[in-house]
Amino acid sequence: MTFDFRTVDPLKDAELLHSWVTHPKAAFWMMQDARLEDVERAYTEIAADPHHHALLGIQDGEPAFLMEYYDPTRRELVGLYEALPGDIGMHFLTPPAETPVHGFTRSVITGVVARLFEDPAVTRVVVEPDVRNTAVHTLNEAVGFVPEREIQKPEKKALLSFCTRARFLAATAATEVSA
């Protein structure tokens, strides 16, 4: 699967994003009780932040998932690990599907990480999912992330994991060969 990406428009996309982030499937997104205005405000803040970005993944002309990326030296992970030059933090969310497509979420994470590595300045992608989110840990490892340790963030206990360009390329090449 291939995806295009476009920047989230906080006003235009708030209703769609609200339906995604408040769904029970998105419990680890921690916005279950968010009102439409809360989502609009959160993504307006991201749009104004030079160190945090939100994109919609587009498939066949329609929004298919959400990705965020951020500078971990200025957002999310400040003081929680020793950042290296070229690190970039990432989150992604696939919305609930009426008819799930086998392999879709794996294609999404592969597309998201590939998109981040399109920037030659990016040498390592950093993620910090909730320690209880075992499904995303499995997906992360499938595309080359290596768990380092648990960290305590203000809102959750997280599994700090890293993926270098080389590990990503090796993991995705192995997937292509076995497919």
C-alpha atoms as a PDB file:
ATOM      1  CA  MET A   1       0.000   0.000   0.000  1.00  0.00           C
ATOM      2  CA  THR A   2       1.160   3.493  -0.733  1.00  0.00           C
ATOM      3  CA  PHE A   3       0.036   6.644   0.995  1.00  0.00           C
ATOM      4  CA  ASP A   4       0.185  10.358   0.400  1.00  0.00           C
ATOM      5  CA  PHE A   5       0.410  12.800   3.278  1.00  0.00           C
ATOM      6  CA  ARG A   6      -1.041  16.212   3.958  1.00  0.00           C
ATOM      7  CA  THR A   7      -0.843  18.550   6.914  1.00  0.00           C
ATOM      8  CA  VAL A   8      -3.786  18.403   9.300  1.00  0.00           C
ATOM      9  CA  ASP A   9      -6.087  21.414   8.959  1.00  0.00           C
ATOM     10  CA  PRO A  10      -7.303  21.834  12.564  1.00  0.00           C
ATOM     11  CA  LEU A  11     -10.628  23.428  11.607  1.00  0.00           C
ATOM     12  CA  LYS A  12     -11.412  21.288   8.572  1.00  0.00           C
ATOM     13  CA  ASP A  13     -10.223  17.989  10.078  1.00  0.00           C
ATOM     14  CA  ALA A  14     -11.357  18.361  13.708  1.00  0.00           C
ATOM     15  CA  GLU A  15     -14.617  16.457  13.267  1.00  0.00           C
ATOM     16  CA  LEU A  16     -12.897  13.518  11.578  1.00  0.00           C
ATOM     17  CA  LEU A  17     -10.070  13.459  14.112  1.00  0.00           C
ATOM     18  CA  HIS A  18     -12.568  13.704  16.974  1.00  0.00           C
ATOM     19  CA  SER A  19     -14.332  10.576  15.716  1.00  0.00           C
ATOM     20  CA  TRP A  20     -10.985   8.772  15.608  1.00  0.00           C
ATOM     21  CA  VAL A  21      -9.397   9.852  18.900  1.00  0.00           C
ATOM     22  CA  THR A  22     -12.528   9.344  21.019  1.00  0.00           C
ATOM     23  CA  HIS A  23     -13.239   5.845  19.710  1.00  0.00           C
ATOM     24  CA  PRO A  24     -12.587   3.023  22.216  1.00  0.00           C
ATOM     25  CA  LYS A  25      -9.943   1.625  19.812  1.00  0.00           C
ATOM     26  CA  ALA A  26      -7.926   4.811  20.427  1.00  0.00           C
ATOM     27  CA  ALA A  27      -7.767   4.437  24.225  1.00  0.00           C
ATOM     28  CA  PHE A  28      -3.979   4.805  24.238  1.00  0.00           C
ATOM     29  CA  TRP A  29      -4.336   8.168  22.453  1.00  0.00           C
ATOM     30  CA  MET A  30      -5.732   9.432  25.789  1.00  0.00           C
ATOM     31  CA  MET A  31      -8.453  11.650  24.304  1.00  0.00           C
ATOM     32  CA  GLN A  32     -11.487   9.446  25.037  1.00  0.00           C
ATOM     33  CA  ASP A  33     -13.407  12.242  26.740  1.00  0.00           C
ATOM     34  CA  ALA A  34     -12.326  15.036  24.398  1.00  0.00           C
ATOM     35  CA  ARG A  35     -14.984  17.329  23.013  1.00  0.00           C
ATOM     36  CA  LEU A  36     -14.814  18.507  19.395  1.00  0.00           C
ATOM     37  CA  GLU A  37     -13.481  21.862  20.629  1.00  0.00           C
ATOM     38  CA  ASP A  38     -10.721  20.068  22.573  1.00  0.00           C
ATOM     39  CA  VAL A  39      -9.551  18.254  19.454  1.00  0.00           C
ATOM     40  CA  GLU A  40      -9.694  21.444  17.400  1.00  0.00           C
ATOM     41  CA  ARG A  41      -7.670  23.273  20.075  1.00  0.00           C
ATOM     42  CA  ALA A  42      -5.088  20.463  20.383  1.00  0.00           C
ATOM     43  CA  TYR A  43      -4.443  20.368  16.635  1.00  0.00           C
ATOM     44  CA  THR A  44      -4.422  24.166  16.381  1.00  0.00           C
ATOM     45  CA  GLU A  45      -1.653  24.148  19.001  1.00  0.00           C
ATOM     46  CA  ILE A  46       0.260  21.500  17.045  1.00  0.00           C
ATOM     47  CA  ALA A  47      -0.153  23.496  13.819  1.00  0.00           C
ATOM     48  CA  ALA A  48       1.382  26.542  15.533  1.00  0.00           C
ATOM     49  CA  ASP A  49       4.270  24.564  17.061  1.00  0.00           C
ATOM     50  CA  PRO A  50       7.477  24.496  14.984  1.00  0.00           C
ATOM     51  CA  HIS A  51       8.620  21.344  16.837  1.00  0.00           C
ATOM     52  CA  HIS A  52       5.456  19.203  16.506  1.00  0.00           C
ATOM     53  CA  HIS A  53       3.592  18.317  13.301  1.00  0.00           C
ATOM     54  CA  ALA A  54       0.413  16.419  12.452  1.00  0.00           C
ATOM     55  CA  LEU A  55      -0.269  14.821   9.073  1.00  0.00           C
ATOM     56  CA  LEU A  56      -3.098  12.788   7.649  1.00  0.00           C
ATOM     57  CA  GLY A  57      -2.149   9.707   5.700  1.00  0.00           C
ATOM     58  CA  ILE A  58      -4.203   9.652   2.519  1.00  0.00           C
ATOM     59  CA  GLN A  59      -5.206   6.483   0.697  1.00  0.00           C
ATOM     60  CA  ASP A  60      -7.162   6.660  -2.550  1.00  0.00           C
ATOM     61  CA  GLY A  61      -7.840  10.350  -1.912  1.00  0.00           C
ATOM     62  CA  GLU A  62      -9.346   9.818   1.550  1.00  0.00           C
ATOM     63  CA  PRO A  63      -7.876  10.319   5.038  1.00  0.00           C
ATOM     64  CA  ALA A  64      -6.816   6.878   6.277  1.00  0.00           C
ATOM     65  CA  PHE A  65      -4.729   7.540   9.423  1.00  0.00           C
ATOM     66  CA  LEU A  66      -3.068  10.183  11.548  1.00  0.00           C
ATOM     67  CA  MET A  67       0.642  10.627  12.140  1.00  0.00           C
ATOM     68  CA  GLU A  68       2.435  13.072  14.355  1.00  0.00           C
ATOM     69  CA  TYR A  69       6.131  13.725  14.549  1.00  0.00           C
ATOM     70  CA  TYR A  70       8.085  15.922  16.908  1.00  0.00           C
ATOM     71  CA  ASP A  71      11.524  17.034  18.013  1.00  0.00           C
ATOM     72  CA  PRO A  72      12.182  14.917  21.124  1.00  0.00           C
ATOM     73  CA  THR A  73      14.693  17.477  22.417  1.00  0.00           C
ATOM     74  CA  ARG A  74      11.862  20.039  22.659  1.00  0.00           C
ATOM     75  CA  ARG A  75       8.637  18.009  23.061  1.00  0.00           C
ATOM     76  CA  GLU A  76       7.397  14.811  24.714  1.00  0.00           C
ATOM     77  CA  LEU A  77      10.745  13.322  25.769  1.00  0.00           C
ATOM     78  CA  VAL A  78      12.724  16.300  27.062  1.00  0.00           C
ATOM     79  CA  GLY A  79      14.943  15.068  29.899  1.00  0.00           C
ATOM     80  CA  LEU A  80      13.723  11.466  29.669  1.00  0.00           C
ATOM     81  CA  TYR A  81      16.532  10.097  27.496  1.00  0.00           C
ATOM     82  CA  GLU A  82      19.751  11.272  25.919  1.00  0.00           C
ATOM     83  CA  ALA A  83      18.745  12.441  22.459  1.00  0.00           C
ATOM     84  CA  LEU A  84      21.126  12.094  19.536  1.00  0.00           C
ATOM     85  CA  PRO A  85      21.398  14.425  16.544  1.00  0.00           C
ATOM     86  CA  GLY A  86      18.940  13.205  13.918  1.00  0.00           C
ATOM     87  CA  ASP A  87      16.365  11.820  16.377  1.00  0.00           C
ATOM     88  CA  ILE A  88      12.687  12.381  15.607  1.00  0.00           C
ATOM     89  CA  GLY A  89       9.710  11.295  17.700  1.00  0.00           C
ATOM     90  CA  MET A  90       6.597   9.760  16.184  1.00  0.00           C
ATOM     91  CA  HIS A  91       3.005   8.740  16.944  1.00  0.00           C
ATOM     92  CA  PHE A  92       0.445   7.194  14.610  1.00  0.00           C
ATOM     93  CA  LEU A  93      -3.226   6.319  14.863  1.00  0.00           C
ATOM     94  CA  THR A  94      -5.280   4.119  12.589  1.00  0.00           C
ATOM     95  CA  PRO A  95      -9.015   4.741  12.918  1.00  0.00           C
ATOM     96  CA  PRO A  96     -11.594   2.033  13.484  1.00  0.00           C
ATOM     97  CA  ALA A  97     -12.585   0.227  10.308  1.00  0.00           C
ATOM     98  CA  GLU A  98     -16.008  -1.181   9.481  1.00  0.00           C
ATOM     99  CA  THR A  99     -14.238  -3.877   7.505  1.00  0.00           C
ATOM    100  CA  PRO A 100     -10.672  -4.376   8.759  1.00  0.00           C
ATOM    101  CA  VAL A 101      -8.049  -4.878   6.044  1.00  0.00           C
ATOM    102  CA  HIS A 102      -5.427  -7.480   6.916  1.00  0.00           C
ATOM    103  CA  GLY A 103      -1.987  -5.851   7.102  1.00  0.00           C
ATOM    104  CA  PHE A 104      -3.298  -2.271   6.960  1.00  0.00           C
ATOM    105  CA  THR A 105      -1.813  -1.082  10.256  1.00  0.00           C
ATOM    106  CA  ARG A 106       1.542  -2.640   9.414  1.00  0.00           C
ATOM    107  CA  SER A 107       1.440  -0.837   6.061  1.00  0.00           C
ATOM    108  CA  VAL A 108       0.648   2.388   7.911  1.00  0.00           C
ATOM    109  CA  ILE A 109       3.584   2.166  10.313  1.00  0.00           C
ATOM    110  CA  THR A 110       5.865   1.208   7.433  1.00  0.00           C
ATOM    111  CA  GLY A 111       4.648   4.222   5.443  1.00  0.00           C
ATOM    112  CA  VAL A 112       5.002   6.564   8.423  1.00  0.00           C
ATOM    113  CA  VAL A 113       8.567   5.512   9.217  1.00  0.00           C
ATOM    114  CA  ALA A 114       9.508   5.616   5.517  1.00  0.00           C
ATOM    115  CA  ARG A 115       8.086   9.151   5.327  1.00  0.00           C
ATOM    116  CA  LEU A 116      10.217  10.226   8.301  1.00  0.00           C
ATOM    117  CA  PHE A 117      13.371   8.702   6.801  1.00  0.00           C
ATOM    118  CA  GLU A 118      12.777  10.631   3.563  1.00  0.00           C
ATOM    119  CA  ASP A 119      14.438  13.495   5.435  1.00  0.00           C
ATOM    120  CA  PRO A 120      18.184  12.781   5.215  1.00  0.00           C
ATOM    121  CA  ALA A 121      18.709  14.599   8.538  1.00  0.00           C
ATOM    122  CA  VAL A 122      16.645  11.928  10.333  1.00  0.00           C
ATOM    123  CA  THR A 123      18.852   9.081  11.532  1.00  0.00           C
ATOM    124  CA  ARG A 124      16.669   7.533  14.232  1.00  0.00           C
ATOM    125  CA  VAL A 125      12.940   7.421  15.005  1.00  0.00           C
ATOM    126  CA  VAL A 126      11.945   7.401  18.674  1.00  0.00           C
ATOM    127  CA  VAL A 127       8.632   6.095  20.010  1.00  0.00           C
ATOM    128  CA  GLU A 128       7.197   6.006  23.525  1.00  0.00           C
ATOM    129  CA  PRO A 129       3.979   3.987  23.478  1.00  0.00           C
ATOM    130  CA  ASP A 130       2.190   2.963  26.653  1.00  0.00           C
ATOM    131  CA  VAL A 131       3.797  -0.170  28.128  1.00  0.00           C
ATOM    132  CA  ARG A 132       0.381  -1.881  28.026  1.00  0.00           C
ATOM    133  CA  ASN A 133      -0.033  -1.367  24.282  1.00  0.00           C
ATOM    134  CA  THR A 134       1.427  -4.725  23.281  1.00  0.00           C
ATOM    135  CA  ALA A 135      -0.133  -4.595  19.799  1.00  0.00           C
ATOM    136  CA  VAL A 136       1.870  -1.495  18.877  1.00  0.00           C
ATOM    137  CA  HIS A 137       5.043  -2.935  20.442  1.00  0.00           C
ATOM    138  CA  THR A 138       4.734  -5.883  18.051  1.00  0.00           C
ATOM    139  CA  LEU A 139       4.183  -3.567  15.074  1.00  0.00           C
ATOM    140  CA  ASN A 140       7.113  -1.379  16.094  1.00  0.00           C
ATOM    141  CA  GLU A 141       9.456  -4.355  16.336  1.00  0.00           C
ATOM    142  CA  ALA A 142       8.257  -5.640  12.946  1.00  0.00           C
ATOM    143  CA  VAL A 143       9.566  -2.483  11.251  1.00  0.00           C
ATOM    144  CA  GLY A 144      12.877  -2.383  13.126  1.00  0.00           C
ATOM    145  CA  PHE A 145      12.266  -0.687  16.474  1.00  0.00           C
ATOM    146  CA  VAL A 146      14.309  -1.966  19.385  1.00  0.00           C
ATOM    147  CA  PRO A 147      12.911  -1.427  22.891  1.00  0.00           C
ATOM    148  CA  GLU A 148      15.421   0.205  25.220  1.00  0.00           C
ATOM    149  CA  ARG A 149      13.664   0.688  28.555  1.00  0.00           C
ATOM    150  CA  GLU A 150      10.526   1.793  30.325  1.00  0.00           C
ATOM    151  CA  ILE A 151      10.247   5.476  31.183  1.00  0.00           C
ATOM    152  CA  GLN A 152       7.753   7.376  33.279  1.00  0.00           C
ATOM    153  CA  LYS A 153       6.057  10.223  31.443  1.00  0.00           C
ATOM    154  CA  PRO A 154       3.575  12.502  33.223  1.00  0.00           C
ATOM    155  CA  GLU A 155       0.617  10.765  31.571  1.00  0.00           C
ATOM    156  CA  LYS A 156       1.832   7.153  31.277  1.00  0.00           C
ATOM    157  CA  LYS A 157       4.511   4.535  31.743  1.00  0.00           C
ATOM    158  CA  ALA A 158       6.040   4.182  28.275  1.00  0.00           C
ATOM    159  CA  LEU A 159       8.321   1.788  26.417  1.00  0.00           C
ATOM    160  CA  LEU A 160      11.098   3.872  24.891  1.00  0.00           C
ATOM    161  CA  SER A 161      12.133   2.302  21.575  1.00  0.00           C
ATOM    162  CA  PHE A 162      14.381   3.316  18.686  1.00  0.00           C
ATOM    163  CA  CYS A 163      14.588   2.529  14.979  1.00  0.00           C
ATOM    164  CA  THR A 164      17.597   3.449  12.887  1.00  0.00           C
ATOM    165  CA  ARG A 165      17.399   3.805   9.135  1.00  0.00           C
ATOM    166  CA  ALA A 166      19.495   0.623   8.722  1.00  0.00           C
ATOM    167  CA  ARG A 167      17.228  -1.420  11.020  1.00  0.00           C
ATOM    168  CA  PHE A 168      14.124  -0.119   9.222  1.00  0.00           C
ATOM    169  CA  LEU A 169      15.548  -0.977   5.795  1.00  0.00           C
ATOM    170  CA  ALA A 170      16.592  -4.448   6.984  1.00  0.00           C
ATOM    171  CA  ALA A 171      13.191  -5.144   8.571  1.00  0.00           C
ATOM    172  CA  THR A 172      11.195  -3.964   5.590  1.00  0.00           C
ATOM    173  CA  ALA A 173      13.470  -5.742   3.100  1.00  0.00           C
ATOM    174  CA  ALA A 174      12.931  -8.967   5.038  1.00  0.00           C
ATOM    175  CA  THR A 175       9.165  -8.410   4.887  1.00  0.00           C
ATOM    176  CA  GLU A 176       9.269  -7.827   1.129  1.00  0.00           C
ATOM    177  CA  VAL A 177      11.266 -11.021   0.597  1.00  0.00           C
ATOM    178  CA  SER A 178       8.854 -13.106   2.692  1.00  0.00           C
ATOM    179  CA  ALA A 179       5.738 -11.601   1.094  1.00  0.00           C
END
